[in-house]
PDB file of all heavy atoms in Angstrom:
ATOM      1  N   LEU A   1       0.827  -1.211   0.000  1.00  0.00           N
ATOM      2  CA  LEU A   1       0.000   0.000   0.000  1.00  0.00           C
ATOM      3  C   LEU A   1       0.861   1.260   0.000  1.00  0.00           C
ATOM      4  O   LEU A   1       0.535   2.242  -0.665  1.00  0.00           O
ATOM      5  CB  LEU A   1      -0.944  -0.008   1.204  1.00  0.00           C
ATOM      6  CG  LEU A   1      -2.126  -0.977   1.124  1.00  0.00           C
ATOM      7  CD1 LEU A   1      -2.790  -1.104   2.484  1.00  0.00           C
ATOM      8  CD2 LEU A   1      -3.136  -0.517   0.076  1.00  0.00           C
ATOM      9  N   MET A   2       1.957   1.222   0.728  1.00  0.00           N
ATOM     10  CA  MET A   2       2.864   2.363   0.746  1.00  0.00           C
ATOM     11  C   MET A   2       3.477   2.586  -0.641  1.00  0.00           C
ATOM     12  O   MET A   2       3.564   3.730  -1.124  1.00  0.00           O
ATOM     13  CB  MET A   2       3.970   2.140   1.783  1.00  0.00           C
ATOM     14  CG  MET A   2       4.895   3.334   1.966  1.00  0.00           C
ATOM     15  SD  MET A   2       4.026   4.817   2.562  1.00  0.00           S
ATOM     16  CE  MET A   2       3.655   4.305   4.258  1.00  0.00           C
ATOM     17  N   ILE A   3       3.881   1.501  -1.290  1.00  0.00           N
ATOM     18  CA  ILE A   3       4.437   1.604  -2.640  1.00  0.00           C
ATOM     19  C   ILE A   3       3.410   2.207  -3.600  1.00  0.00           C
ATOM     20  O   ILE A   3       3.746   3.010  -4.480  1.00  0.00           O
ATOM     21  CB  ILE A   3       4.885   0.217  -3.147  1.00  0.00           C
ATOM     22  CG1 ILE A   3       6.110  -0.267  -2.364  1.00  0.00           C
ATOM     23  CG2 ILE A   3       5.208   0.254  -4.648  1.00  0.00           C
ATOM     24  CD1 ILE A   3       6.497  -1.695  -2.637  1.00  0.00           C
ATOM     25  N   LEU A   4       2.140   1.846  -3.402  1.00  0.00           N
ATOM     26  CA  LEU A   4       1.064   2.314  -4.271  1.00  0.00           C
ATOM     27  C   LEU A   4       0.549   3.700  -3.872  1.00  0.00           C
ATOM     28  O   LEU A   4      -0.424   4.189  -4.439  1.00  0.00           O
ATOM     29  CB  LEU A   4      -0.083   1.300  -4.273  1.00  0.00           C
ATOM     30  CG  LEU A   4       0.245  -0.038  -4.960  1.00  0.00           C
ATOM     31  CD1 LEU A   4      -0.839  -1.069  -4.673  1.00  0.00           C
ATOM     32  CD2 LEU A   4       0.417   0.157  -6.465  1.00  0.00           C
ATOM     33  N   GLY A   5       1.189   4.301  -2.870  1.00  0.00           N
ATOM     34  CA  GLY A   5       0.846   5.665  -2.488  1.00  0.00           C
ATOM     35  C   GLY A   5      -0.371   5.799  -1.607  1.00  0.00           C
ATOM     36  O   GLY A   5      -0.950   6.882  -1.500  1.00  0.00           O
ATOM     37  N   GLN A   6      -0.759   4.718  -0.931  1.00  0.00           N
ATOM     38  CA  GLN A   6      -1.926   4.748  -0.044  1.00  0.00           C
ATOM     39  C   GLN A   6      -1.443   4.727   1.406  1.00  0.00           C
ATOM     40  O   GLN A   6      -1.572   3.741   2.124  1.00  0.00           O
ATOM     41  CB  GLN A   6      -2.848   3.566  -0.345  1.00  0.00           C
ATOM     42  CG  GLN A   6      -3.351   3.549  -1.795  1.00  0.00           C
ATOM     43  CD  GLN A   6      -4.209   2.346  -2.103  1.00  0.00           C
ATOM     44  OE1 GLN A   6      -5.116   1.990  -1.339  1.00  0.00           O
ATOM     45  NE2 GLN A   6      -3.935   1.699  -3.230  1.00  0.00           N
ATOM     46  N   GLY A   7      -0.851   5.852   1.807  1.00  0.00           N
ATOM     47  CA  GLY A   7      -0.179   5.933   3.098  1.00  0.00           C
ATOM     48  C   GLY A   7      -1.059   5.658   4.302  1.00  0.00           C
ATOM     49  O   GLY A   7      -0.651   4.969   5.238  1.00  0.00           O
ATOM     50  N   GLU A   8      -2.272   6.211   4.315  1.00  0.00           N
ATOM     51  CA  GLU A   8      -3.149   6.041   5.469  1.00  0.00           C
ATOM     52  C   GLU A   8      -3.526   4.576   5.665  1.00  0.00           C
ATOM     53  O   GLU A   8      -3.478   4.051   6.782  1.00  0.00           O
ATOM     54  CB  GLU A   8      -4.409   6.891   5.280  1.00  0.00           C
ATOM     55  CG  GLU A   8      -5.289   6.954   6.530  1.00  0.00           C
ATOM     56  CD  GLU A   8      -6.419   7.955   6.389  1.00  0.00           C
ATOM     57  OE1 GLU A   8      -6.305   8.877   5.550  1.00  0.00           O
ATOM     58  OE2 GLU A   8      -7.415   7.812   7.121  1.00  0.00           O
ATOM     59  N   GLU A   9      -3.894   3.913   4.567  1.00  0.00           N
ATOM     60  CA  GLU A   9      -4.239   2.492   4.657  1.00  0.00           C
ATOM     61  C   GLU A   9      -3.011   1.660   5.005  1.00  0.00           C
ATOM     62  O   GLU A   9      -3.113   0.652   5.719  1.00  0.00           O
ATOM     63  CB  GLU A   9      -4.837   2.015   3.342  1.00  0.00           C
ATOM     64  CG  GLU A   9      -6.218   2.573   3.047  1.00  0.00           C
ATOM     65  CD  GLU A   9      -6.803   1.966   1.783  1.00  0.00           C
ATOM     66  OE1 GLU A   9      -6.892   0.732   1.696  1.00  0.00           O
ATOM     67  OE2 GLU A   9      -7.150   2.737   0.880  1.00  0.00           O
ATOM     68  N   ALA A  10      -1.852   2.083   4.498  1.00  0.00           N
ATOM     69  CA  ALA A  10      -0.608   1.366   4.806  1.00  0.00           C
ATOM     70  C   ALA A  10      -0.314   1.418   6.300  1.00  0.00           C
ATOM     71  O   ALA A  10       0.062   0.409   6.909  1.00  0.00           O
ATOM     72  CB  ALA A  10       0.548   1.965   4.017  1.00  0.00           C
ATOM     73  N   PHE A  11      -0.512   2.583   6.907  1.00  0.00           N
ATOM     74  CA  PHE A  11      -0.265   2.720   8.343  1.00  0.00           C
ATOM     75  C   PHE A  11      -1.222   1.843   9.147  1.00  0.00           C
ATOM     76  O   PHE A  11      -0.822   1.201  10.123  1.00  0.00           O
ATOM     77  CB  PHE A  11      -0.422   4.183   8.774  1.00  0.00           C
ATOM     78  CG  PHE A  11      -0.245   4.388  10.253  1.00  0.00           C
ATOM     79  CD1 PHE A  11       1.020   4.350  10.826  1.00  0.00           C
ATOM     80  CD2 PHE A  11      -1.347   4.591  11.080  1.00  0.00           C
ATOM     81  CE1 PHE A  11       1.187   4.519  12.197  1.00  0.00           C
ATOM     82  CE2 PHE A  11      -1.180   4.758  12.443  1.00  0.00           C
ATOM     83  CZ  PHE A  11       0.082   4.726  13.004  1.00  0.00           C
ATOM     84  N   ALA A  12      -2.488   1.806   8.732  1.00  0.00           N
ATOM     85  CA  ALA A  12      -3.481   0.977   9.432  1.00  0.00           C
ATOM     86  C   ALA A  12      -3.098  -0.501   9.353  1.00  0.00           C
ATOM     87  O   ALA A  12      -3.230  -1.245  10.332  1.00  0.00           O
ATOM     88  CB  ALA A  12      -4.865   1.201   8.830  1.00  0.00           C
ATOM     89  N   ALA A  13      -2.611  -0.941   8.175  1.00  0.00           N
ATOM     90  CA  ALA A  13      -2.199  -2.335   8.008  1.00  0.00           C
ATOM     91  C   ALA A  13      -0.975  -2.641   8.865  1.00  0.00           C
ATOM     92  O   ALA A  13      -0.880  -3.708   9.480  1.00  0.00           O
ATOM     93  CB  ALA A  13      -1.913  -2.627   6.540  1.00  0.00           C
ATOM     94  N   TYR A  14      -0.025  -1.695   8.913  1.00  0.00           N
ATOM     95  CA  TYR A  14       1.171  -1.881   9.731  1.00  0.00           C
ATOM     96  C   TYR A  14       0.797  -1.967  11.214  1.00  0.00           C
ATOM     97  O   TYR A  14       1.336  -2.797  11.957  1.00  0.00           O
ATOM     98  CB  TYR A  14       2.137  -0.727   9.500  1.00  0.00           C
ATOM     99  CG  TYR A  14       3.386  -0.821  10.347  1.00  0.00           C
ATOM    100  CD1 TYR A  14       4.418  -1.675   9.992  1.00  0.00           C
ATOM    101  CD2 TYR A  14       3.512  -0.065  11.513  1.00  0.00           C
ATOM    102  CE1 TYR A  14       5.555  -1.783  10.780  1.00  0.00           C
ATOM    103  CE2 TYR A  14       4.646  -0.165  12.300  1.00  0.00           C
ATOM    104  CZ  TYR A  14       5.666  -1.019  11.925  1.00  0.00           C
ATOM    105  OH  TYR A  14       6.787  -1.128  12.716  1.00  0.00           O
ATOM    106  N   LYS A  15      -0.133  -1.123  11.634  1.00  0.00           N
ATOM    107  CA  LYS A  15      -0.580  -1.144  13.027  1.00  0.00           C
ATOM    108  C   LYS A  15      -1.217  -2.482  13.365  1.00  0.00           C
ATOM    109  O   LYS A  15      -0.976  -3.046  14.435  1.00  0.00           O
ATOM    110  CB  LYS A  15      -1.586  -0.010  13.258  1.00  0.00           C
ATOM    111  CG  LYS A  15      -2.052   0.117  14.699  1.00  0.00           C
ATOM    112  CD  LYS A  15      -3.011   1.288  14.858  1.00  0.00           C
ATOM    113  CE  LYS A  15      -3.498   1.395  16.304  1.00  0.00           C
ATOM    114  NZ  LYS A  15      -4.461   2.513  16.466  1.00  0.00           N
ATOM    115  N   ARG A  16      -2.009  -2.995  12.436  1.00  0.00           N
ATOM    116  CA  ARG A  16      -2.651  -4.298  12.653  1.00  0.00           C
ATOM    117  C   ARG A  16      -1.607  -5.413  12.754  1.00  0.00           C
ATOM    118  O   ARG A  16      -1.712  -6.300  13.607  1.00  0.00           O
ATOM    119  CB  ARG A  16      -3.626  -4.595  11.511  1.00  0.00           C
ATOM    120  CG  ARG A  16      -4.347  -5.933  11.637  1.00  0.00           C
ATOM    121  CD  ARG A  16      -5.178  -6.006  12.886  1.00  0.00           C
ATOM    122  NE  ARG A  16      -5.931  -7.248  12.982  1.00  0.00           N
ATOM    123  CZ  ARG A  16      -6.302  -7.807  14.124  1.00  0.00           C
ATOM    124  NH1 ARG A  16      -5.994  -7.228  15.287  1.00  0.00           N
ATOM    125  NH2 ARG A  16      -6.989  -8.928  14.123  1.00  0.00           N
ATOM    126  N   ALA A  17      -0.588  -5.359  11.879  1.00  0.00           N
ATOM    127  CA  ALA A  17       0.477  -6.367  11.912  1.00  0.00           C
ATOM    128  C   ALA A  17       1.197  -6.343  13.259  1.00  0.00           C
ATOM    129  O   ALA A  17       1.493  -7.387  13.841  1.00  0.00           O
ATOM    130  CB  ALA A  17       1.477  -6.123  10.780  1.00  0.00           C
ATOM    131  N   THR A  18       1.468  -5.127  13.754  1.00  0.00           N
ATOM    132  CA  THR A  18       2.156  -4.979  15.045  1.00  0.00           C
ATOM    133  C   THR A  18       1.306  -5.542  16.180  1.00  0.00           C
ATOM    134  O   THR A  18       1.823  -6.236  17.067  1.00  0.00           O
ATOM    135  CB  THR A  18       2.471  -3.498  15.310  1.00  0.00           C
ATOM    136  OG1 THR A  18       3.279  -2.996  14.236  1.00  0.00           O
ATOM    137  CG2 THR A  18       3.214  -3.327  16.619  1.00  0.00           C
ATOM    138  N   GLU A  19       0.014  -5.250  16.151  1.00  0.00           N
ATOM    139  CA  GLU A  19      -0.891  -5.769  17.185  1.00  0.00           C
ATOM    140  C   GLU A  19      -0.913  -7.291  17.190  1.00  0.00           C
ATOM    141  O   GLU A  19      -0.865  -7.926  18.252  1.00  0.00           O
ATOM    142  CB  GLU A  19      -2.307  -5.232  16.950  1.00  0.00           C
ATOM    143  CG  GLU A  19      -2.461  -3.742  17.215  1.00  0.00           C
ATOM    144  CD  GLU A  19      -3.798  -3.204  16.746  1.00  0.00           C
ATOM    145  OE1 GLU A  19      -4.528  -3.944  16.048  1.00  0.00           O
ATOM    146  OE2 GLU A  19      -4.115  -2.033  17.062  1.00  0.00           O
ATOM    147  N   LEU A  20      -0.978  -7.887  16.010  1.00  0.00           N
ATOM    148  CA  LEU A  20      -1.014  -9.349  15.916  1.00  0.00           C
ATOM    149  C   LEU A  20       0.295  -9.963  16.389  1.00  0.00           C
ATOM    150  O   LEU A  20       0.291 -10.996  17.073  1.00  0.00           O
ATOM    151  CB  LEU A  20      -1.297  -9.768  14.466  1.00  0.00           C
ATOM    152  CG  LEU A  20      -2.720  -9.522  13.973  1.00  0.00           C
ATOM    153  CD1 LEU A  20      -2.807  -9.730  12.465  1.00  0.00           C
ATOM    154  CD2 LEU A  20      -3.715 -10.448  14.680  1.00  0.00           C
ATOM    155  N   ARG A  21       1.420  -9.317  16.049  1.00  0.00           N
ATOM    156  CA  ARG A  21       2.720  -9.832  16.459  1.00  0.00           C
ATOM    157  C   ARG A  21       2.864  -9.789  17.977  1.00  0.00           C
ATOM    158  O   ARG A  21       3.342 -10.742  18.604  1.00  0.00           O
ATOM    159  CB  ARG A  21       3.826  -9.025  15.780  1.00  0.00           C
ATOM    160  CG  ARG A  21       5.214  -9.657  15.885  1.00  0.00           C
ATOM    161  CD  ARG A  21       6.242  -8.859  15.099  1.00  0.00           C
ATOM    162  NE  ARG A  21       5.880  -8.786  13.696  1.00  0.00           N
ATOM    163  CZ  ARG A  21       5.586  -7.644  13.064  1.00  0.00           C
ATOM    164  NH1 ARG A  21       5.620  -6.488  13.711  1.00  0.00           N
ATOM    165  NH2 ARG A  21       5.290  -7.651  11.787  1.00  0.00           N
ATOM    166  N   GLN A  22       2.436  -8.678  18.568  1.00  0.00           N
ATOM    167  CA  GLN A  22       2.516  -8.552  20.028  1.00  0.00           C
ATOM    168  C   GLN A  22       1.598  -9.548  20.713  1.00  0.00           C
ATOM    169  O   GLN A  22       1.943 -10.128  21.749  1.00  0.00           O
ATOM    170  CB  GLN A  22       2.162  -7.126  20.447  1.00  0.00           C
ATOM    171  CG  GLN A  22       3.189  -6.083  20.045  1.00  0.00           C
ATOM    172  CD  GLN A  22       4.560  -6.355  20.646  1.00  0.00           C
ATOM    173  OE1 GLN A  22       4.684  -6.830  21.774  1.00  0.00           O
ATOM    174  NE2 GLN A  22       5.592  -6.059  19.891  1.00  0.00           N
ATOM    175  N   SER A  23       0.419  -9.767  20.131  1.00  0.00           N
ATOM    176  CA  SER A  23      -0.524 -10.728  20.693  1.00  0.00           C
ATOM    177  C   SER A  23       0.064 -12.137  20.681  1.00  0.00           C
ATOM    178  O   SER A  23      -0.046 -12.888  21.658  1.00  0.00           O
ATOM    179  CB  SER A  23      -1.831 -10.705  19.896  1.00  0.00           C
ATOM    180  OG  SER A  23      -2.726 -11.691  20.363  1.00  0.00           O
ATOM    181  N   LEU A  24       0.728 -12.477  19.580  1.00  0.00           N
ATOM    182  CA  LEU A  24       1.355 -13.791  19.481  1.00  0.00           C
ATOM    183  C   LEU A  24       2.460 -13.936  20.515  1.00  0.00           C
ATOM    184  O   LEU A  24       2.575 -14.972  21.177  1.00  0.00           O
ATOM    185  CB  LEU A  24       1.926 -13.995  18.072  1.00  0.00           C
ATOM    186  CG  LEU A  24       2.724 -15.285  17.854  1.00  0.00           C
ATOM    187  CD1 LEU A  24       1.846 -16.506  18.105  1.00  0.00           C
ATOM    188  CD2 LEU A  24       3.313 -15.317  16.446  1.00  0.00           C
ATOM    189  N   LYS A  25       3.261 -12.896  20.685  1.00  0.00           N
ATOM    190  CA  LYS A  25       4.352 -12.954  21.661  1.00  0.00           C
ATOM    191  C   LYS A  25       3.803 -13.127  23.070  1.00  0.00           C
ATOM    192  O   LYS A  25       4.372 -13.868  23.882  1.00  0.00           O
ATOM    193  CB  LYS A  25       5.208 -11.688  21.571  1.00  0.00           C
ATOM    194  CG  LYS A  25       6.085 -11.646  20.333  1.00  0.00           C
ATOM    195  CD  LYS A  25       6.965 -10.407  20.325  1.00  0.00           C
ATOM    196  CE  LYS A  25       7.907 -10.404  19.127  1.00  0.00           C
ATOM    197  NZ  LYS A  25       8.782  -9.217  19.104  1.00  0.00           N
ATOM    198  N   ARG A  26       2.686 -12.438  23.369  1.00  0.00           N
ATOM    199  CA  ARG A  26       2.103 -12.584  24.703  1.00  0.00           C
ATOM    200  C   ARG A  26       1.620 -14.017  24.928  1.00  0.00           C
ATOM    201  O   ARG A  26       1.772 -14.566  26.024  1.00  0.00           O
ATOM    202  CB  ARG A  26       0.963 -11.588  24.897  1.00  0.00           C
ATOM    203  CG  ARG A  26       1.443 -10.153  25.089  1.00  0.00           C
ATOM    204  CD  ARG A  26       0.397  -9.284  25.752  1.00  0.00           C
ATOM    205  NE  ARG A  26      -0.793  -9.119  24.936  1.00  0.00           N
ATOM    206  CZ  ARG A  26      -0.937  -8.186  24.007  1.00  0.00           C
ATOM    207  NH1 ARG A  26       0.063  -7.356  23.732  1.00  0.00           N
ATOM    208  NH2 ARG A  26      -2.057  -8.081  23.330  1.00  0.00           N
ATOM    209  N   LYS A  27       1.069 -14.622  23.887  1.00  0.00           N
ATOM    210  CA  LYS A  27       0.617 -16.010  24.016  1.00  0.00           C
ATOM    211  C   LYS A  27       1.788 -16.942  24.285  1.00  0.00           C
ATOM    212  O   LYS A  27       1.671 -17.902  25.058  1.00  0.00           O
ATOM    213  CB  LYS A  27      -0.124 -16.439  22.744  1.00  0.00           C
ATOM    214  CG  LYS A  27      -1.497 -15.806  22.591  1.00  0.00           C
ATOM    215  CD  LYS A  27      -2.169 -16.219  21.301  1.00  0.00           C
ATOM    216  CE  LYS A  27      -3.531 -15.546  21.146  1.00  0.00           C
ATOM    217  NZ  LYS A  27      -4.176 -15.900  19.855  1.00  0.00           N
ATOM    218  N   ILE A  28       2.936 -16.648  23.643  1.00  0.00           N
ATOM    219  CA  ILE A  28       4.129 -17.470  23.894  1.00  0.00           C
ATOM    220  C   ILE A  28       4.612 -17.271  25.329  1.00  0.00           C
ATOM    221  O   ILE A  28       5.017 -18.224  25.999  1.00  0.00           O
ATOM    222  CB  ILE A  28       5.244 -17.121  22.887  1.00  0.00           C
ATOM    223  CG1 ILE A  28       4.775 -17.476  21.469  1.00  0.00           C
ATOM    224  CG2 ILE A  28       6.534 -17.869  23.227  1.00  0.00           C
ATOM    225  CD1 ILE A  28       5.744 -17.058  20.389  1.00  0.00           C
ATOM    226  N   VAL A  29       4.538 -16.032  25.830  1.00  0.00           N
ATOM    227  CA  VAL A  29       4.901 -15.772  27.235  1.00  0.00           C
ATOM    228  C   VAL A  29       3.984 -16.572  28.150  1.00  0.00           C
ATOM    229  O   VAL A  29       4.442 -17.160  29.147  1.00  0.00           O
ATOM    230  CB  VAL A  29       4.829 -14.269  27.562  1.00  0.00           C
ATOM    231  CG1 VAL A  29       5.008 -14.042  29.067  1.00  0.00           C
ATOM    232  CG2 VAL A  29       5.901 -13.501  26.794  1.00  0.00           C
TER     233      VAL A  29
END
């Protein structure tokens, strides 16, 4: 999305990826 110039949607997708990654790490903890 960032490459395609859709910055706002790109940020939302990145935020979602970060949330999922942190959630997975907490489950491993």
